[in-house]
Amino acid sequence: MSDIDEIKLVYKSRDMSISLGFLSHIDIIDSYYRERIIFEYLSGSSFLPLKDLKVVDMGSGFGARLRSMVRFGAHPANLYGVD
């Protein structure tokens, strides 16, 4: 069997039911821990309360971190995302 055939066989045998995209179990758990780390950092800093601060999220994608900032007390009009 050639190397190419072996690679094709490995890819064909993979479990395609595992989703690693948006809202997968792994993504949800990852988001929880990221949000927790951000909150712990903000809690130990002089950044809280966020209500009067302007926040720029560089590489914001779908804005998940910006939504976290709203949950942490930031005013939506003070949030900016650049992807």
C-alpha atoms as a PDB file:
ATOM      1  CA  MET A   1       0.000   0.000   0.000  1.00  0.00           C
ATOM      2  CA  SER A   2       1.368   3.429  -0.936  1.00  0.00           C
ATOM      3  CA  ASP A   3       1.727   6.296   1.526  1.00  0.00           C
ATOM      4  CA  ILE A   4      -1.095   8.136  -0.231  1.00  0.00           C
ATOM      5  CA  ASP A   5      -3.407   5.131   0.127  1.00  0.00           C
ATOM      6  CA  GLU A   6      -2.574   4.856   3.842  1.00  0.00           C
ATOM      7  CA  ILE A   7      -3.343   8.536   4.377  1.00  0.00           C
ATOM      8  CA  LYS A   8      -6.657   8.187   2.541  1.00  0.00           C
ATOM      9  CA  LEU A   9      -7.528   5.157   4.680  1.00  0.00           C
ATOM     10  CA  VAL A  10      -6.783   7.046   7.914  1.00  0.00           C
ATOM     11  CA  TYR A  11      -8.913  10.016   6.877  1.00  0.00           C
ATOM     12  CA  LYS A  12     -11.746   7.746   5.739  1.00  0.00           C
ATOM     13  CA  SER A  13     -11.784   5.960   9.123  1.00  0.00           C
ATOM     14  CA  ARG A  14     -12.029   9.137  11.213  1.00  0.00           C
ATOM     15  CA  ASP A  15     -15.197   9.756  13.186  1.00  0.00           C
ATOM     16  CA  MET A  16     -16.832  12.614  11.307  1.00  0.00           C
ATOM     17  CA  SER A  17     -19.577  12.940  13.927  1.00  0.00           C
ATOM     18  CA  ILE A  18     -17.192  14.832  16.236  1.00  0.00           C
ATOM     19  CA  SER A  19     -17.743  18.534  15.739  1.00  0.00           C
ATOM     20  CA  LEU A  20     -14.984  20.968  16.625  1.00  0.00           C
ATOM     21  CA  GLY A  21     -16.784  24.039  15.331  1.00  0.00           C
ATOM     22  CA  PHE A  22     -19.004  26.705  16.814  1.00  0.00           C
ATOM     23  CA  LEU A  23     -21.041  25.413  19.794  1.00  0.00           C
ATOM     24  CA  SER A  24     -19.281  22.062  19.974  1.00  0.00           C
ATOM     25  CA  HIS A  25     -18.782  20.661  23.489  1.00  0.00           C
ATOM     26  CA  ILE A  26     -15.087  21.469  23.298  1.00  0.00           C
ATOM     27  CA  ASP A  27     -15.786  25.049  22.191  1.00  0.00           C
ATOM     28  CA  ILE A  28     -18.318  25.605  24.981  1.00  0.00           C
ATOM     29  CA  ILE A  29     -15.926  24.313  27.653  1.00  0.00           C
ATOM     30  CA  ASP A  30     -13.077  26.354  26.180  1.00  0.00           C
ATOM     31  CA  SER A  31     -15.224  29.494  26.209  1.00  0.00           C
ATOM     32  CA  TYR A  32     -16.169  28.915  29.849  1.00  0.00           C
ATOM     33  CA  TYR A  33     -12.544  28.676  30.951  1.00  0.00           C
ATOM     34  CA  ARG A  34     -11.463  31.665  28.857  1.00  0.00           C
ATOM     35  CA  GLU A  35     -14.272  33.769  30.306  1.00  0.00           C
ATOM     36  CA  ARG A  36     -13.371  32.663  33.823  1.00  0.00           C
ATOM     37  CA  ILE A  37      -9.713  33.608  33.319  1.00  0.00           C
ATOM     38  CA  ILE A  38     -10.691  37.017  31.927  1.00  0.00           C
ATOM     39  CA  PHE A  39     -13.030  37.644  34.859  1.00  0.00           C
ATOM     40  CA  GLU A  40     -10.396  36.603  37.416  1.00  0.00           C
ATOM     41  CA  TYR A  41      -7.879  38.927  35.767  1.00  0.00           C
ATOM     42  CA  LEU A  42     -10.323  41.841  35.704  1.00  0.00           C
ATOM     43  CA  SER A  43     -11.352  41.202  39.319  1.00  0.00           C
ATOM     44  CA  GLY A  44      -7.751  41.513  40.453  1.00  0.00           C
ATOM     45  CA  SER A  45      -7.079  44.667  38.457  1.00  0.00           C
ATOM     46  CA  SER A  46      -8.180  48.280  38.491  1.00  0.00           C
ATOM     47  CA  PHE A  47     -10.321  47.765  35.359  1.00  0.00           C
ATOM     48  CA  LEU A  48     -13.560  47.019  37.213  1.00  0.00           C
ATOM     49  CA  PRO A  49     -16.179  48.363  36.988  1.00  0.00           C
ATOM     50  CA  LEU A  50     -16.218  48.225  33.192  1.00  0.00           C
ATOM     51  CA  LYS A  51     -19.287  50.416  32.721  1.00  0.00           C
ATOM     52  CA  ASP A  52     -17.286  53.582  31.899  1.00  0.00           C
ATOM     53  CA  LEU A  53     -14.391  51.994  30.004  1.00  0.00           C
ATOM     54  CA  LYS A  54     -14.009  51.644  26.252  1.00  0.00           C
ATOM     55  CA  VAL A  55     -12.953  48.151  25.196  1.00  0.00           C
ATOM     56  CA  VAL A  56     -11.400  47.199  21.853  1.00  0.00           C
ATOM     57  CA  ASP A  57     -11.240  43.504  20.967  1.00  0.00           C
ATOM     58  CA  MET A  58      -8.645  42.924  18.249  1.00  0.00           C
ATOM     59  CA  GLY A  59      -9.492  39.808  16.245  1.00  0.00           C
ATOM     60  CA  SER A  60     -13.016  39.747  17.629  1.00  0.00           C
ATOM     61  CA  GLY A  61     -14.456  37.183  15.203  1.00  0.00           C
ATOM     62  CA  PHE A  62     -18.074  36.670  16.254  1.00  0.00           C
ATOM     63  CA  GLY A  63     -17.682  38.959  19.282  1.00  0.00           C
ATOM     64  CA  ALA A  64     -17.758  36.315  22.014  1.00  0.00           C
ATOM     65  CA  ARG A  65     -15.275  38.185  24.231  1.00  0.00           C
ATOM     66  CA  LEU A  66     -17.221  41.414  23.743  1.00  0.00           C
ATOM     67  CA  ARG A  67     -20.399  39.661  24.901  1.00  0.00           C
ATOM     68  CA  SER A  68     -18.429  38.563  27.964  1.00  0.00           C
ATOM     69  CA  MET A  69     -17.554  42.182  28.653  1.00  0.00           C
ATOM     70  CA  VAL A  70     -21.276  43.054  28.657  1.00  0.00           C
ATOM     71  CA  ARG A  71     -21.886  40.288  31.198  1.00  0.00           C
ATOM     72  CA  PHE A  72     -19.038  41.759  33.277  1.00  0.00           C
ATOM     73  CA  GLY A  73     -20.742  45.178  33.277  1.00  0.00           C
ATOM     74  CA  ALA A  74     -19.438  46.999  30.197  1.00  0.00           C
ATOM     75  CA  HIS A  75     -21.826  49.270  28.325  1.00  0.00           C
ATOM     76  CA  PRO A  76     -22.383  47.921  24.771  1.00  0.00           C
ATOM     77  CA  ALA A  77     -21.884  51.382  23.249  1.00  0.00           C
ATOM     78  CA  ASN A  78     -18.306  51.346  24.622  1.00  0.00           C
ATOM     79  CA  LEU A  79     -17.353  48.036  22.986  1.00  0.00           C
ATOM     80  CA  TYR A  80     -15.516  47.853  19.672  1.00  0.00           C
ATOM     81  CA  GLY A  81     -14.481  44.807  17.693  1.00  0.00           C
ATOM     82  CA  VAL A  82     -11.921  44.601  14.895  1.00  0.00           C
ATOM     83  CA  ASP A  83     -11.544  41.335  13.030  1.00  0.00           C
END
